[in-house]
Amino acid sequence: MGESFGKSFTVVEATGDDGETQVWLAVAKPSQALTLVLSAVPEGWTAEVLSVGLTPKQQRMFEELNLEPGDVHRLDKA
C-alpha cells in the first residue's frame, strides 16, 4: 500500500535554469511535495520547500481550491 500524502498544504518554490521562480502549493507532506512539483515543472528545474506559516485567510483561500491529497497548484503573482 502506498504512503499517504497527508492533508496539509506545503508551499514549494521552483527555480528554472534561467533564474525564473514559481511558487507552488501542494497537498502533501514536504518530501512528497518536492517530487510532485518537480513533476509539474520543466525538466532541469530545482525545488525547495518554503518554511512559511499560513494565515487563517490563506488557509481558507487554499481550501477553496478544492485540491485533493497529491494535487499541486501554481500560485500566480498578484
C-alpha atoms as a PDB file:
ATOM      1  CA  MET A   1       0.000   0.000   0.000  1.00  0.00           C
ATOM      2  CA  GLY A   2       1.299   3.488  -0.859  1.00  0.00           C
ATOM      3  CA  GLU A   3       2.170   6.154   1.634  1.00  0.00           C
ATOM      4  CA  SER A   4      -0.490   8.747   2.454  1.00  0.00           C
ATOM      5  CA  PHE A   5       0.065  12.244   1.076  1.00  0.00           C
ATOM      6  CA  GLY A   6      -1.496  13.842   4.132  1.00  0.00           C
ATOM      7  CA  LYS A   7      -3.972  16.703   4.089  1.00  0.00           C
ATOM      8  CA  SER A   8      -1.773  19.681   4.902  1.00  0.00           C
ATOM      9  CA  PHE A   9      -0.571  22.346   2.498  1.00  0.00           C
ATOM     10  CA  THR A  10       3.121  22.592   1.639  1.00  0.00           C
ATOM     11  CA  VAL A  11       4.482  25.653  -0.177  1.00  0.00           C
ATOM     12  CA  VAL A  12       7.285  24.940  -2.653  1.00  0.00           C
ATOM     13  CA  GLU A  13       9.458  27.313  -4.683  1.00  0.00           C
ATOM     14  CA  ALA A  14      10.670  26.007  -8.044  1.00  0.00           C
ATOM     15  CA  THR A  15      13.593  27.624  -9.868  1.00  0.00           C
ATOM     16  CA  GLY A  16      14.454  27.278 -13.537  1.00  0.00           C
ATOM     17  CA  ASP A  17      17.866  27.291 -15.182  1.00  0.00           C
ATOM     18  CA  ASP A  18      17.289  30.918 -16.206  1.00  0.00           C
ATOM     19  CA  GLY A  19      16.544  32.001 -12.632  1.00  0.00           C
ATOM     20  CA  GLU A  20      12.774  32.170 -13.095  1.00  0.00           C
ATOM     21  CA  THR A  21      10.951  31.203  -9.913  1.00  0.00           C
ATOM     22  CA  GLN A  22       7.468  29.865  -9.363  1.00  0.00           C
ATOM     23  CA  VAL A  23       5.625  29.227  -6.123  1.00  0.00           C
ATOM     24  CA  TRP A  24       3.505  26.099  -5.889  1.00  0.00           C
ATOM     25  CA  LEU A  25       1.052  24.753  -3.347  1.00  0.00           C
ATOM     26  CA  ALA A  26       0.917  21.002  -2.767  1.00  0.00           C
ATOM     27  CA  VAL A  27      -1.446  18.953  -0.655  1.00  0.00           C
ATOM     28  CA  ALA A  28       1.255  16.608   0.555  1.00  0.00           C
ATOM     29  CA  LYS A  29       3.980  16.073   3.090  1.00  0.00           C
ATOM     30  CA  PRO A  30       7.085  18.199   2.353  1.00  0.00           C
ATOM     31  CA  SER A  31       9.208  15.401   0.866  1.00  0.00           C
ATOM     32  CA  GLN A  32       6.331  14.316  -1.363  1.00  0.00           C
ATOM     33  CA  ALA A  33       5.529  17.914  -2.306  1.00  0.00           C
ATOM     34  CA  LEU A  34       9.001  18.328  -3.813  1.00  0.00           C
ATOM     35  CA  THR A  35       8.534  15.303  -6.048  1.00  0.00           C
ATOM     36  CA  LEU A  36       5.046  16.383  -7.111  1.00  0.00           C
ATOM     37  CA  VAL A  37       6.166  19.918  -8.005  1.00  0.00           C
ATOM     38  CA  LEU A  38       9.255  18.691  -9.865  1.00  0.00           C
ATOM     39  CA  SER A  39       6.913  16.525 -11.936  1.00  0.00           C
ATOM     40  CA  ALA A  40       4.878  19.621 -12.846  1.00  0.00           C
ATOM     41  CA  VAL A  41       7.715  21.971 -13.863  1.00  0.00           C
ATOM     42  CA  PRO A  42      10.088  21.687 -16.842  1.00  0.00           C
ATOM     43  CA  GLU A  43      12.958  19.217 -16.641  1.00  0.00           C
ATOM     44  CA  GLY A  44      16.079  20.654 -15.039  1.00  0.00           C
ATOM     45  CA  TRP A  45      14.267  22.845 -12.526  1.00  0.00           C
ATOM     46  CA  THR A  46      15.019  22.608  -8.821  1.00  0.00           C
ATOM     47  CA  ALA A  47      12.580  22.907  -5.939  1.00  0.00           C
ATOM     48  CA  GLU A  48      12.689  23.591  -2.233  1.00  0.00           C
ATOM     49  CA  VAL A  49      10.083  23.647   0.492  1.00  0.00           C
ATOM     50  CA  LEU A  50       9.437  27.122   1.873  1.00  0.00           C
ATOM     51  CA  SER A  51       9.014  27.310   5.615  1.00  0.00           C
ATOM     52  CA  VAL A  52       6.030  29.633   5.737  1.00  0.00           C
ATOM     53  CA  GLY A  53       3.123  29.736   8.120  1.00  0.00           C
ATOM     54  CA  LEU A  54      -0.274  30.213   6.543  1.00  0.00           C
ATOM     55  CA  THR A  55      -2.631  32.808   7.930  1.00  0.00           C
ATOM     56  CA  PRO A  56      -6.224  31.713   8.568  1.00  0.00           C
ATOM     57  CA  LYS A  57      -7.252  33.746   5.489  1.00  0.00           C
ATOM     58  CA  GLN A  58      -4.680  31.979   3.288  1.00  0.00           C
ATOM     59  CA  GLN A  59      -5.717  28.595   4.676  1.00  0.00           C
ATOM     60  CA  ARG A  60      -9.371  29.279   3.775  1.00  0.00           C
ATOM     61  CA  MET A  61      -8.394  30.565   0.316  1.00  0.00           C
ATOM     62  CA  PHE A  62      -6.338  27.435  -0.391  1.00  0.00           C
ATOM     63  CA  GLU A  63      -9.131  25.188   0.897  1.00  0.00           C
ATOM     64  CA  GLU A  64     -11.471  26.847  -1.622  1.00  0.00           C
ATOM     65  CA  LEU A  65      -9.262  25.486  -4.431  1.00  0.00           C
ATOM     66  CA  ASN A  66     -10.713  22.043  -3.572  1.00  0.00           C
ATOM     67  CA  LEU A  67      -7.380  20.302  -4.072  1.00  0.00           C
ATOM     68  CA  GLU A  68      -7.141  16.616  -3.240  1.00  0.00           C
ATOM     69  CA  PRO A  69      -4.190  14.940  -1.499  1.00  0.00           C
ATOM     70  CA  GLY A  70      -1.391  14.669  -4.063  1.00  0.00           C
ATOM     71  CA  ASP A  71      -2.548  17.714  -6.076  1.00  0.00           C
ATOM     72  CA  VAL A  72      -0.347  20.713  -6.861  1.00  0.00           C
ATOM     73  CA  HIS A  73      -1.375  24.237  -7.863  1.00  0.00           C
ATOM     74  CA  ARG A  74       0.817  27.048  -9.174  1.00  0.00           C
ATOM     75  CA  LEU A  75       0.284  30.297  -7.288  1.00  0.00           C
ATOM     76  CA  ASP A  76       0.249  33.210  -9.712  1.00  0.00           C
ATOM     77  CA  LYS A  77       1.837  36.509  -8.823  1.00  0.00           C
ATOM     78  CA  ALA A  78      -0.744  39.040  -7.707  1.00  0.00           C
END
